[in-house]
Amino acid sequence: MYLHIGNHYYVRKQDILGIFDMDNATYSYRTRETLNRAEKAGSVINAAENEIPNSFVLCRDGDETKIYLSMVTAQTLLRRAEEHLF
């Protein structure tokens, strides 16, 4: 099963570690640091493209983790993840 996170990007549901609201999660210094380190390491995929990201999805990719930035809200992504349509 896959989750559509916007702009023709899909992630496997079983690889998702968490779905986070960008505004709420980035209040934390540690979260901002983690996002900065992941971006420098090339582990951030901007699925929002030209839009402002509303959420990010933390996924495992083998032994690594990837962070997908999405313009779709965290609530919508959570609702989609709970559905069994894909």
PDB file of N, CA and C in Angstrom:
ATOM      1  N   MET A   1       0.824  -1.165   0.000  1.00  0.00           N
ATOM      2  CA  MET A   1       0.000   0.000   0.000  1.00  0.00           C
ATOM      3  C   MET A   1       0.883   1.249   0.000  1.00  0.00           C
ATOM      4  N   TYR A   2       0.424   2.250  -0.701  1.00  0.00           N
ATOM      5  CA  TYR A   2       1.167   3.497  -0.843  1.00  0.00           C
ATOM      6  C   TYR A   2       0.340   4.683  -0.372  1.00  0.00           C
ATOM      7  N   LEU A   3       1.048   5.723   0.044  1.00  0.00           N
ATOM      8  CA  LEU A   3       0.415   6.962   0.469  1.00  0.00           C
ATOM      9  C   LEU A   3       0.840   8.062  -0.490  1.00  0.00           C
ATOM     10  N   HIS A   4      -0.133   8.740  -1.096  1.00  0.00           N
ATOM     11  CA  HIS A   4       0.144   9.868  -1.977  1.00  0.00           C
ATOM     12  C   HIS A   4       0.376  11.099  -1.118  1.00  0.00           C
ATOM     13  N   ILE A   5       1.564  11.699  -1.235  1.00  0.00           N
ATOM     14  CA  ILE A   5       1.901  12.842  -0.396  1.00  0.00           C
ATOM     15  C   ILE A   5       1.910  14.157  -1.181  1.00  0.00           C
ATOM     16  N   GLY A   6       1.512  14.102  -2.448  1.00  0.00           N
ATOM     17  CA  GLY A   6       1.422  15.311  -3.268  1.00  0.00           C
ATOM     18  C   GLY A   6       2.388  15.310  -4.432  1.00  0.00           C
ATOM     19  N   ASN A   7       2.002  16.036  -5.494  1.00  0.00           N
ATOM     20  CA  ASN A   7       2.858  16.211  -6.678  1.00  0.00           C
ATOM     21  C   ASN A   7       3.432  14.904  -7.228  1.00  0.00           C
ATOM     22  N   HIS A   8       2.622  13.898  -7.328  1.00  0.00           N
ATOM     23  CA  HIS A   8       2.998  12.596  -7.892  1.00  0.00           C
ATOM     24  C   HIS A   8       4.073  11.869  -7.076  1.00  0.00           C
ATOM     25  N   TYR A   9       4.167  12.164  -5.796  1.00  0.00           N
ATOM     26  CA  TYR A   9       5.082  11.458  -4.900  1.00  0.00           C
ATOM     27  C   TYR A   9       4.272  10.488  -4.052  1.00  0.00           C
ATOM     28  N   TYR A  10       4.791   9.272  -3.932  1.00  0.00           N
ATOM     29  CA  TYR A  10       4.160   8.229  -3.133  1.00  0.00           C
ATOM     30  C   TYR A  10       5.217   7.605  -2.236  1.00  0.00           C
ATOM     31  N   VAL A  11       4.806   7.225  -1.039  1.00  0.00           N
ATOM     32  CA  VAL A  11       5.688   6.476  -0.140  1.00  0.00           C
ATOM     33  C   VAL A  11       4.961   5.214   0.302  1.00  0.00           C
ATOM     34  N   ARG A  12       5.744   4.176   0.549  1.00  0.00           N
ATOM     35  CA  ARG A  12       5.131   2.933   1.023  1.00  0.00           C
ATOM     36  C   ARG A  12       4.686   3.119   2.466  1.00  0.00           C
ATOM     37  N   LYS A  13       3.454   2.717   2.753  1.00  0.00           N
ATOM     38  CA  LYS A  13       2.907   2.901   4.105  1.00  0.00           C
ATOM     39  C   LYS A  13       3.749   2.200   5.158  1.00  0.00           C
ATOM     40  N   GLN A  14       4.268   1.012   4.836  1.00  0.00           N
ATOM     41  CA  GLN A  14       5.035   0.276   5.850  1.00  0.00           C
ATOM     42  C   GLN A  14       6.391   0.929   6.136  1.00  0.00           C
ATOM     43  N   ASP A  15       6.827   1.871   5.303  1.00  0.00           N
ATOM     44  CA  ASP A  15       8.088   2.573   5.536  1.00  0.00           C
ATOM     45  C   ASP A  15       7.923   3.845   6.359  1.00  0.00           C
ATOM     46  N   ILE A  16       6.680   4.262   6.605  1.00  0.00           N
ATOM     47  CA  ILE A  16       6.430   5.519   7.318  1.00  0.00           C
ATOM     48  C   ILE A  16       6.701   5.347   8.815  1.00  0.00           C
ATOM     49  N   LEU A  17       7.555   6.212   9.341  1.00  0.00           N
ATOM     50  CA  LEU A  17       7.842   6.227  10.773  1.00  0.00           C
ATOM     51  C   LEU A  17       7.012   7.279  11.490  1.00  0.00           C
ATOM     52  N   GLY A  18       6.640   8.350  10.771  1.00  0.00           N
ATOM     53  CA  GLY A  18       5.834   9.394  11.375  1.00  0.00           C
ATOM     54  C   GLY A  18       5.423  10.440  10.364  1.00  0.00           C
ATOM     55  N   ILE A  19       4.298  11.081  10.646  1.00  0.00           N
ATOM     56  CA  ILE A  19       3.795  12.194   9.849  1.00  0.00           C
ATOM     57  C   ILE A  19       3.663  13.373  10.800  1.00  0.00           C
ATOM     58  N   PHE A  20       4.281  14.497  10.440  1.00  0.00           N
ATOM     59  CA  PHE A  20       4.382  15.621  11.355  1.00  0.00           C
ATOM     60  C   PHE A  20       3.897  16.911  10.709  1.00  0.00           C
ATOM     61  N   ASP A  21       3.218  17.732  11.486  1.00  0.00           N
ATOM     62  CA  ASP A  21       2.806  19.063  11.061  1.00  0.00           C
ATOM     63  C   ASP A  21       4.032  19.963  11.121  1.00  0.00           C
ATOM     64  N   MET A  22       4.315  20.642  10.047  1.00  0.00           N
ATOM     65  CA  MET A  22       5.529  21.464   9.957  1.00  0.00           C
ATOM     66  C   MET A  22       5.532  22.583  11.002  1.00  0.00           C
ATOM     67  N   ASP A  23       4.425  23.273  11.177  1.00  0.00           N
ATOM     68  CA  ASP A  23       4.393  24.386  12.134  1.00  0.00           C
ATOM     69  C   ASP A  23       4.586  23.920  13.566  1.00  0.00           C
ATOM     70  N   ASN A  24       3.875  22.892  13.968  1.00  0.00           N
ATOM     71  CA  ASN A  24       3.963  22.417  15.348  1.00  0.00           C
ATOM     72  C   ASN A  24       5.292  21.736  15.640  1.00  0.00           C
ATOM     73  N   ALA A  25       5.766  20.915  14.731  1.00  0.00           N
ATOM     74  CA  ALA A  25       6.986  20.150  14.982  1.00  0.00           C
ATOM     75  C   ALA A  25       8.231  21.025  14.976  1.00  0.00           C
ATOM     76  N   THR A  26       8.241  22.083  14.174  1.00  0.00           N
ATOM     77  CA  THR A  26       9.457  22.889  14.069  1.00  0.00           C
ATOM     78  C   THR A  26       9.605  23.917  15.184  1.00  0.00           C
ATOM     79  N   TYR A  27       8.687  23.930  16.145  1.00  0.00           N
ATOM     80  CA  TYR A  27       8.903  24.745  17.346  1.00  0.00           C
ATOM     81  C   TYR A  27      10.098  24.217  18.138  1.00  0.00           C
ATOM     82  N   SER A  28      10.309  22.924  18.043  1.00  0.00           N
ATOM     83  CA  SER A  28      11.388  22.293  18.790  1.00  0.00           C
ATOM     84  C   SER A  28      12.733  22.521  18.091  1.00  0.00           C
ATOM     85  N   TYR A  29      13.707  22.944  18.867  1.00  0.00           N
ATOM     86  CA  TYR A  29      15.064  23.137  18.346  1.00  0.00           C
ATOM     87  C   TYR A  29      15.616  21.827  17.790  1.00  0.00           C
ATOM     88  N   ARG A  30      15.354  20.739  18.485  1.00  0.00           N
ATOM     89  CA  ARG A  30      15.882  19.437  18.051  1.00  0.00           C
ATOM     90  C   ARG A  30      15.307  19.011  16.701  1.00  0.00           C
ATOM     91  N   THR A  31      14.035  19.287  16.486  1.00  0.00           N
ATOM     92  CA  THR A  31      13.425  18.946  15.206  1.00  0.00           C
ATOM     93  C   THR A  31      14.036  19.788  14.092  1.00  0.00           C
ATOM     94  N   ARG A  32      14.207  21.076  14.338  1.00  0.00           N
ATOM     95  CA  ARG A  32      14.825  21.949  13.331  1.00  0.00           C
ATOM     96  C   ARG A  32      16.243  21.490  13.019  1.00  0.00           C
ATOM     97  N   GLU A  33      16.994  21.113  14.044  1.00  0.00           N
ATOM     98  CA  GLU A  33      18.357  20.608  13.849  1.00  0.00           C
ATOM     99  C   GLU A  33      18.354  19.309  13.035  1.00  0.00           C
ATOM    100  N   THR A  34      17.423  18.419  13.351  1.00  0.00           N
ATOM    101  CA  THR A  34      17.326  17.151  12.623  1.00  0.00           C
ATOM    102  C   THR A  34      17.021  17.410  11.155  1.00  0.00           C
ATOM    103  N   LEU A  35      16.085  18.321  10.879  1.00  0.00           N
ATOM    104  CA  LEU A  35      15.755  18.658   9.492  1.00  0.00           C
ATOM    105  C   LEU A  35      16.954  19.283   8.786  1.00  0.00           C
ATOM    106  N   ASN A  36      17.681  20.154   9.458  1.00  0.00           N
ATOM    107  CA  ASN A  36      18.865  20.773   8.852  1.00  0.00           C
ATOM    108  C   ASN A  36      19.941  19.742   8.540  1.00  0.00           C
ATOM    109  N   ARG A  37      20.197  18.831   9.475  1.00  0.00           N
ATOM    110  CA  ARG A  37      21.206  17.789   9.249  1.00  0.00           C
ATOM    111  C   ARG A  37      20.797  16.861   8.105  1.00  0.00           C
ATOM    112  N   ALA A  38      19.520  16.507   8.070  1.00  0.00           N
ATOM    113  CA  ALA A  38      19.028  15.630   7.003  1.00  0.00           C
ATOM    114  C   ALA A  38      19.144  16.306   5.643  1.00  0.00           C
ATOM    115  N   GLU A  39      18.870  17.598   5.606  1.00  0.00           N
ATOM    116  CA  GLU A  39      18.987  18.324   4.338  1.00  0.00           C
ATOM    117  C   GLU A  39      20.441  18.362   3.862  1.00  0.00           C
ATOM    118  N   LYS A  40      21.363  18.626   4.779  1.00  0.00           N
ATOM    119  CA  LYS A  40      22.787  18.645   4.428  1.00  0.00           C
ATOM    120  C   LYS A  40      23.267  17.275   3.965  1.00  0.00           C
ATOM    121  N   ALA A  41      22.683  16.204   4.525  1.00  0.00           N
ATOM    122  CA  ALA A  41      23.067  14.838   4.157  1.00  0.00           C
ATOM    123  C   ALA A  41      22.385  14.366   2.878  1.00  0.00           C
ATOM    124  N   GLY A  42      21.482  15.167   2.336  1.00  0.00           N
ATOM    125  CA  GLY A  42      20.787  14.777   1.114  1.00  0.00           C
ATOM    126  C   GLY A  42      19.639  13.814   1.343  1.00  0.00           C
ATOM    127  N   SER A  43      19.108  13.799   2.558  1.00  0.00           N
ATOM    128  CA  SER A  43      18.033  12.873   2.911  1.00  0.00           C
ATOM    129  C   SER A  43      16.654  13.514   2.879  1.00  0.00           C
ATOM    130  N   VAL A  44      16.562  14.765   2.406  1.00  0.00           N
ATOM    131  CA  VAL A  44      15.281  15.456   2.337  1.00  0.00           C
ATOM    132  C   VAL A  44      14.821  15.517   0.881  1.00  0.00           C
ATOM    133  N   ILE A  45      13.606  15.066   0.638  1.00  0.00           N
ATOM    134  CA  ILE A  45      12.997  15.117  -0.685  1.00  0.00           C
ATOM    135  C   ILE A  45      11.863  16.124  -0.619  1.00  0.00           C
ATOM    136  N   ASN A  46      11.912  17.126  -1.477  1.00  0.00           N
ATOM    137  CA  ASN A  46      10.912  18.183  -1.455  1.00  0.00           C
ATOM    138  C   ASN A  46       9.765  17.823  -2.390  1.00  0.00           C
ATOM    139  N   ALA A  47       8.767  17.111  -1.863  1.00  0.00           N
ATOM    140  CA  ALA A  47       7.577  16.763  -2.635  1.00  0.00           C
ATOM    141  C   ALA A  47       6.643  17.952  -2.761  1.00  0.00           C
ATOM    142  N   ALA A  48       6.889  19.009  -2.009  1.00  0.00           N
ATOM    143  CA  ALA A  48       6.062  20.214  -2.090  1.00  0.00           C
ATOM    144  C   ALA A  48       6.446  21.042  -3.304  1.00  0.00           C
ATOM    145  N   GLU A  49       7.638  20.812  -3.819  1.00  0.00           N
ATOM    146  CA  GLU A  49       8.199  21.527  -4.962  1.00  0.00           C
ATOM    147  C   GLU A  49       8.086  23.033  -4.777  1.00  0.00           C
ATOM    148  N   ASN A  50       7.220  23.727  -5.492  1.00  0.00           N
ATOM    149  CA  ASN A  50       7.141  25.189  -5.422  1.00  0.00           C
ATOM    150  C   ASN A  50       6.170  25.697  -4.365  1.00  0.00           C
ATOM    151  N   GLU A  51       5.546  24.809  -3.629  1.00  0.00           N
ATOM    152  CA  GLU A  51       4.583  25.176  -2.582  1.00  0.00           C
ATOM    153  C   GLU A  51       5.288  25.237  -1.226  1.00  0.00           C
ATOM    154  N   ILE A  52       4.645  25.894  -0.285  1.00  0.00           N
ATOM    155  CA  ILE A  52       5.161  25.922   1.089  1.00  0.00           C
ATOM    156  C   ILE A  52       4.803  24.596   1.752  1.00  0.00           C
ATOM    157  N   PRO A  53       5.777  23.899   2.334  1.00  0.00           N
ATOM    158  CA  PRO A  53       5.463  22.619   2.981  1.00  0.00           C
ATOM    159  C   PRO A  53       4.606  22.809   4.232  1.00  0.00           C
ATOM    160  N   ASN A  54       3.576  21.998   4.352  1.00  0.00           N
ATOM    161  CA  ASN A  54       2.706  21.999   5.528  1.00  0.00           C
ATOM    162  C   ASN A  54       3.037  20.861   6.481  1.00  0.00           C
ATOM    163  N   SER A  55       3.714  19.837   5.967  1.00  0.00           N
ATOM    164  CA  SER A  55       4.001  18.658   6.785  1.00  0.00           C
ATOM    165  C   SER A  55       5.268  17.993   6.276  1.00  0.00           C
ATOM    166  N   PHE A  56       5.759  17.059   7.070  1.00  0.00           N
ATOM    167  CA  PHE A  56       6.839  16.203   6.581  1.00  0.00           C
ATOM    168  C   PHE A  56       6.585  14.779   7.039  1.00  0.00           C
ATOM    169  N   VAL A  57       7.048  13.850   6.213  1.00  0.00           N
ATOM    170  CA  VAL A  57       6.852  12.426   6.452  1.00  0.00           C
ATOM    171  C   VAL A  57       8.227  11.808   6.641  1.00  0.00           C
ATOM    172  N   LEU A  58       8.444  11.202   7.775  1.00  0.00           N
ATOM    173  CA  LEU A  58       9.694  10.530   8.092  1.00  0.00           C
ATOM    174  C   LEU A  58       9.555   9.073   7.690  1.00  0.00           C
ATOM    175  N   CYS A  59      10.443   8.605   6.812  1.00  0.00           N
ATOM    176  CA  CYS A  59      10.361   7.231   6.292  1.00  0.00           C
ATOM    177  C   CYS A  59      11.709   6.540   6.425  1.00  0.00           C
ATOM    178  N   ARG A  60      11.664   5.247   6.547  1.00  0.00           N
ATOM    179  CA  ARG A  60      12.904   4.478   6.503  1.00  0.00           C
ATOM    180  C   ARG A  60      13.111   4.045   5.056  1.00  0.00           C
ATOM    181  N   ASP A  61      14.356   4.016   4.658  1.00  0.00           N
ATOM    182  CA  ASP A  61      14.730   3.600   3.316  1.00  0.00           C
ATOM    183  C   ASP A  61      15.918   2.669   3.471  1.00  0.00           C
ATOM    184  N   GLY A  62      15.616   1.402   3.724  1.00  0.00           N
ATOM    185  CA  GLY A  62      16.677   0.455   4.048  1.00  0.00           C
ATOM    186  C   GLY A  62      17.235   0.779   5.414  1.00  0.00           C
ATOM    187  N   ASP A  63      18.532   1.063   5.471  1.00  0.00           N
ATOM    188  CA  ASP A  63      19.181   1.419   6.735  1.00  0.00           C
ATOM    189  C   ASP A  63      19.162   2.924   6.982  1.00  0.00           C
ATOM    190  N   GLU A  64      18.694   3.697   6.016  1.00  0.00           N
ATOM    191  CA  GLU A  64      18.670   5.146   6.133  1.00  0.00           C
ATOM    192  C   GLU A  64      17.256   5.642   6.412  1.00  0.00           C
ATOM    193  N   THR A  65      17.165   6.923   6.748  1.00  0.00           N
ATOM    194  CA  THR A  65      15.855   7.566   6.858  1.00  0.00           C
ATOM    195  C   THR A  65      15.790   8.681   5.825  1.00  0.00           C
ATOM    196  N   LYS A  66      14.599   8.908   5.319  1.00  0.00           N
ATOM    197  CA  LYS A  66      14.330   9.976   4.358  1.00  0.00           C
ATOM    198  C   LYS A  66      13.219  10.844   4.929  1.00  0.00           C
ATOM    199  N   ILE A  67      13.278  12.120   4.636  1.00  0.00           N
ATOM    200  CA  ILE A  67      12.238  13.045   5.050  1.00  0.00           C
ATOM    201  C   ILE A  67      11.640  13.651   3.791  1.00  0.00           C
ATOM    202  N   TYR A  68      10.332  13.470   3.653  1.00  0.00           N
ATOM    203  CA  TYR A  68       9.607  14.019   2.511  1.00  0.00           C
ATOM    204  C   TYR A  68       8.828  15.239   2.976  1.00  0.00           C
ATOM    205  N   LEU A  69       9.099  16.386   2.364  1.00  0.00           N
ATOM    206  CA  LEU A  69       8.336  17.596   2.648  1.00  0.00           C
ATOM    207  C   LEU A  69       7.099  17.580   1.762  1.00  0.00           C
ATOM    208  N   SER A  70       5.943  17.880   2.328  1.00  0.00           N
ATOM    209  CA  SER A  70       4.693  17.822   1.581  1.00  0.00           C
ATOM    210  C   SER A  70       3.870  19.075   1.809  1.00  0.00           C
ATOM    211  N   MET A  71       3.172  19.521   0.759  1.00  0.00           N
ATOM    212  CA  MET A  71       2.279  20.664   0.910  1.00  0.00           C
ATOM    213  C   MET A  71       0.928  20.232   1.453  1.00  0.00           C
ATOM    214  N   VAL A  72       0.684  18.936   1.522  1.00  0.00           N
ATOM    215  CA  VAL A  72      -0.558  18.388   2.073  1.00  0.00           C
ATOM    216  C   VAL A  72      -0.461  18.437   3.598  1.00  0.00           C
ATOM    217  N   THR A  73      -1.554  18.791   4.253  1.00  0.00           N
ATOM    218  CA  THR A  73      -1.526  18.890   5.715  1.00  0.00           C
ATOM    219  C   THR A  73      -1.333  17.518   6.358  1.00  0.00           C
ATOM    220  N   ALA A  74      -0.802  17.523   7.558  1.00  0.00           N
ATOM    221  CA  ALA A  74      -0.582  16.280   8.292  1.00  0.00           C
ATOM    222  C   ALA A  74      -1.902  15.556   8.542  1.00  0.00           C
ATOM    223  N   GLN A  75      -2.965  16.297   8.840  1.00  0.00           N
ATOM    224  CA  GLN A  75      -4.276  15.678   9.076  1.00  0.00           C
ATOM    225  C   GLN A  75      -4.764  14.935   7.840  1.00  0.00           C
ATOM    226  N   THR A  76      -4.603  15.539   6.667  1.00  0.00           N
ATOM    227  CA  THR A  76      -5.029  14.885   5.438  1.00  0.00           C
ATOM    228  C   THR A  76      -4.193  13.649   5.165  1.00  0.00           C
ATOM    229  N   LEU A  77      -2.895  13.735   5.383  1.00  0.00           N
ATOM    230  CA  LEU A  77      -2.031  12.577   5.170  1.00  0.00           C
ATOM    231  C   LEU A  77      -2.392  11.440   6.125  1.00  0.00           C
ATOM    232  N   LEU A  78      -2.670  11.780   7.379  1.00  0.00           N
ATOM    233  CA  LEU A  78      -3.067  10.750   8.344  1.00  0.00           C
ATOM    234  C   LEU A  78      -4.375  10.088   7.928  1.00  0.00           C
ATOM    235  N   ARG A  79      -5.317  10.888   7.472  1.00  0.00           N
ATOM    236  CA  ARG A  79      -6.592  10.331   7.016  1.00  0.00           C
ATOM    237  C   ARG A  79      -6.370   9.408   5.807  1.00  0.00           C
ATOM    238  N   ARG A  80      -5.543   9.840   4.868  1.00  0.00           N
ATOM    239  CA  ARG A  80      -5.241   9.003   3.705  1.00  0.00           C
ATOM    240  C   ARG A  80      -4.541   7.708   4.125  1.00  0.00           C
ATOM    241  N   ALA A  81      -3.647   7.799   5.095  1.00  0.00           N
ATOM    242  CA  ALA A  81      -2.915   6.614   5.544  1.00  0.00           C
ATOM    243  C   ALA A  81      -3.844   5.593   6.194  1.00  0.00           C
ATOM    244  N   GLU A  82      -4.910   6.075   6.817  1.00  0.00           N
ATOM    245  CA  GLU A  82      -5.862   5.169   7.472  1.00  0.00           C
ATOM    246  C   GLU A  82      -6.807   4.521   6.465  1.00  0.00           C
ATOM    247  N   GLU A  83      -6.971   5.138   5.309  1.00  0.00           N
ATOM    248  CA  GLU A  83      -7.836   4.561   4.285  1.00  0.00           C
ATOM    249  C   GLU A  83      -7.111   3.399   3.612  1.00  0.00           C
ATOM    250  N   HIS A  84      -7.880   2.484   3.063  1.00  0.00           N
ATOM    251  CA  HIS A  84      -7.283   1.310   2.404  1.00  0.00           C
ATOM    252  C   HIS A  84      -7.557   1.344   0.908  1.00  0.00           C
ATOM    253  N   LEU A  85      -7.588   2.554   0.311  1.00  0.00           N
ATOM    254  CA  LEU A  85      -7.884   2.682  -1.100  1.00  0.00           C
ATOM    255  C   LEU A  85      -6.698   2.435  -1.988  1.00  0.00           C
ATOM    256  N   PHE A  86      -5.470   2.706  -1.519  1.00  0.00           N
ATOM    257  CA  PHE A  86      -4.293   2.501  -2.339  1.00  0.00           C
ATOM    258  C   PHE A  86      -3.654   1.202  -1.983  1.00  0.00           C
TER     259      PHE A  86
END
